C-alpha atoms as a PDB file:
ATOM      1  CA  UNK A   1      -6.185 -12.451   5.273  1.00  0.00           C
ATOM      2  CA  UNK A   2      -3.060  -9.565   6.903  1.00  0.00           C
ATOM      3  CA  UNK A   3      -4.651  -5.925   7.399  1.00  0.00           C
ATOM      4  CA  UNK A   4      -1.796  -3.344   7.320  1.00  0.00           C
ATOM      5  CA  UNK A   5      -3.342   0.510   7.912  1.00  0.00           C
ATOM      6  CA  UNK A   6      -0.585   3.352   7.416  1.00  0.00           C
ATOM      7  CA  UNK A   7      -0.672   7.547   6.674  1.00  0.00           C
ATOM      8  CA  UNK A   8      -0.147   9.163   3.514  1.00  0.00           C
ATOM      9  CA  UNK A   9       3.587  11.373   4.147  1.00  0.00           C
ATOM     10  CA  UNK A  10       1.208  13.988   2.375  1.00  0.00           C
ATOM     11  CA  UNK A  11      -2.382  14.811   3.210  1.00  0.00           C
ATOM     12  CA  UNK A  12      -1.902  12.365   6.551  1.00  0.00           C
ATOM     13  CA  UNK A  13      -5.385  10.036   5.281  1.00  0.00           C
ATOM     14  CA  UNK A  14      -5.155   6.572   6.454  1.00  0.00           C
ATOM     15  CA  UNK A  15      -4.950   4.045   4.082  1.00  0.00           C
ATOM     16  CA  UNK A  16      -5.803   0.613   5.266  1.00  0.00           C
ATOM     17  CA  UNK A  17      -4.637  -2.412   3.363  1.00  0.00           C
ATOM     18  CA  UNK A  18      -5.013  -6.338   2.563  1.00  0.00           C
ATOM     19  CA  UNK A  19      -2.366  -8.348   2.437  1.00  0.00           C
ATOM     20  CA  UNK A  20       1.091  -8.388   2.365  1.00  0.00           C
ATOM     21  CA  UNK A  21       1.686  -5.139   0.973  1.00  0.00           C
ATOM     22  CA  UNK A  22       5.887  -4.127   2.665  1.00  0.00           C
ATOM     23  CA  UNK A  23       7.950  -2.993  -0.411  1.00  0.00           C
ATOM     24  CA  UNK A  24       4.960  -2.456  -2.418  1.00  0.00           C
ATOM     25  CA  UNK A  25       4.753   1.269  -4.098  1.00  0.00           C
ATOM     26  CA  UNK A  26       1.001   1.891  -3.337  1.00  0.00           C
ATOM     27  CA  UNK A  27      -1.536   5.074  -3.868  1.00  0.00           C
ATOM     28  CA  UNK A  28      -3.848   7.704  -2.145  1.00  0.00           C
ATOM     29  CA  UNK A  29      -7.012   7.184  -3.779  1.00  0.00           C
ATOM     30  CA  UNK A  30      -7.442  10.902  -2.332  1.00  0.00           C
ATOM     31  CA  UNK A  31      -4.743  12.626  -3.076  1.00  0.00           C
ATOM     32  CA  UNK A  32      -2.912  10.222  -5.628  1.00  0.00           C
ATOM     33  CA  UNK A  33       0.227  10.766  -3.632  1.00  0.00           C
ATOM     34  CA  UNK A  34       2.069   8.072  -4.800  1.00  0.00           C
ATOM     35  CA  UNK A  35       4.207   6.874  -1.828  1.00  0.00           C
ATOM     36  CA  UNK A  36       6.297   3.086  -0.690  1.00  0.00           C
ATOM     37  CA  UNK A  37       5.689   1.068   1.855  1.00  0.00           C
ATOM     38  CA  UNK A  38       8.108   0.493   4.301  1.00  0.00           C
ATOM     39  CA  UNK A  39      10.093  -2.543   4.603  1.00  0.00           C
ATOM     40  CA  UNK A  40      11.735  -5.466   2.888  1.00  0.00           C
ATOM     41  CA  UNK A  41      10.304  -6.365  -0.455  1.00  0.00           C
ATOM     42  CA  UNK A  42       9.298 -10.583  -0.909  1.00  0.00           C
ATOM     43  CA  UNK A  43      11.521 -11.299  -4.432  1.00  0.00           C
ATOM     44  CA  UNK A  44       9.311 -13.020  -7.091  1.00  0.00           C
ATOM     45  CA  UNK A  45      10.569 -14.721 -10.605  1.00  0.00           C
ATOM     46  CA  UNK A  46      10.230 -12.272 -14.228  1.00  0.00           C
ATOM     47  CA  UNK A  47       6.804 -13.461 -14.623  1.00  0.00           C
ATOM     48  CA  UNK A  48       5.608 -13.736 -11.720  1.00  0.00           C
ATOM     49  CA  UNK A  49       1.579 -11.328 -12.570  1.00  0.00           C
ATOM     50  CA  UNK A  50       2.198  -7.345 -10.172  1.00  0.00           C
ATOM     51  CA  UNK A  51      -0.236  -7.191  -7.342  1.00  0.00           C
ATOM     52  CA  UNK A  52      -2.016  -3.816  -6.403  1.00  0.00           C
ATOM     53  CA  UNK A  53      -2.512  -3.751  -2.853  1.00  0.00           C
ATOM     54  CA  UNK A  54      -6.482  -2.990  -2.321  1.00  0.00           C
ATOM     55  CA  UNK A  55      -6.692  -0.040  -0.193  1.00  0.00           C
ATOM     56  CA  UNK A  56      -9.808   2.062   1.459  1.00  0.00           C
ATOM     57  CA  UNK A  57      -9.829   5.427   2.504  1.00  0.00           C
ATOM     58  CA  UNK A  58     -10.597   5.019   6.963  1.00  0.00           C
ATOM     59  CA  UNK A  59     -12.464   7.879   7.901  1.00  0.00           C
ATOM     60  CA  UNK A  60     -11.810   9.424  11.344  1.00  0.00           C
END
């Protein structure tokens, strides 16, 4: 499974995301800011279940 590390645009916390997260919305567990990960979203059928990517705050 691919790992992606992104920074929260508000508090700059590093979020470690597992799986394909391009184009998906995530919420920072530290400050609760919701934002979308850059990249193209995968198209899924209308009946496809929506799963939020797993994320964790990475300490520096």
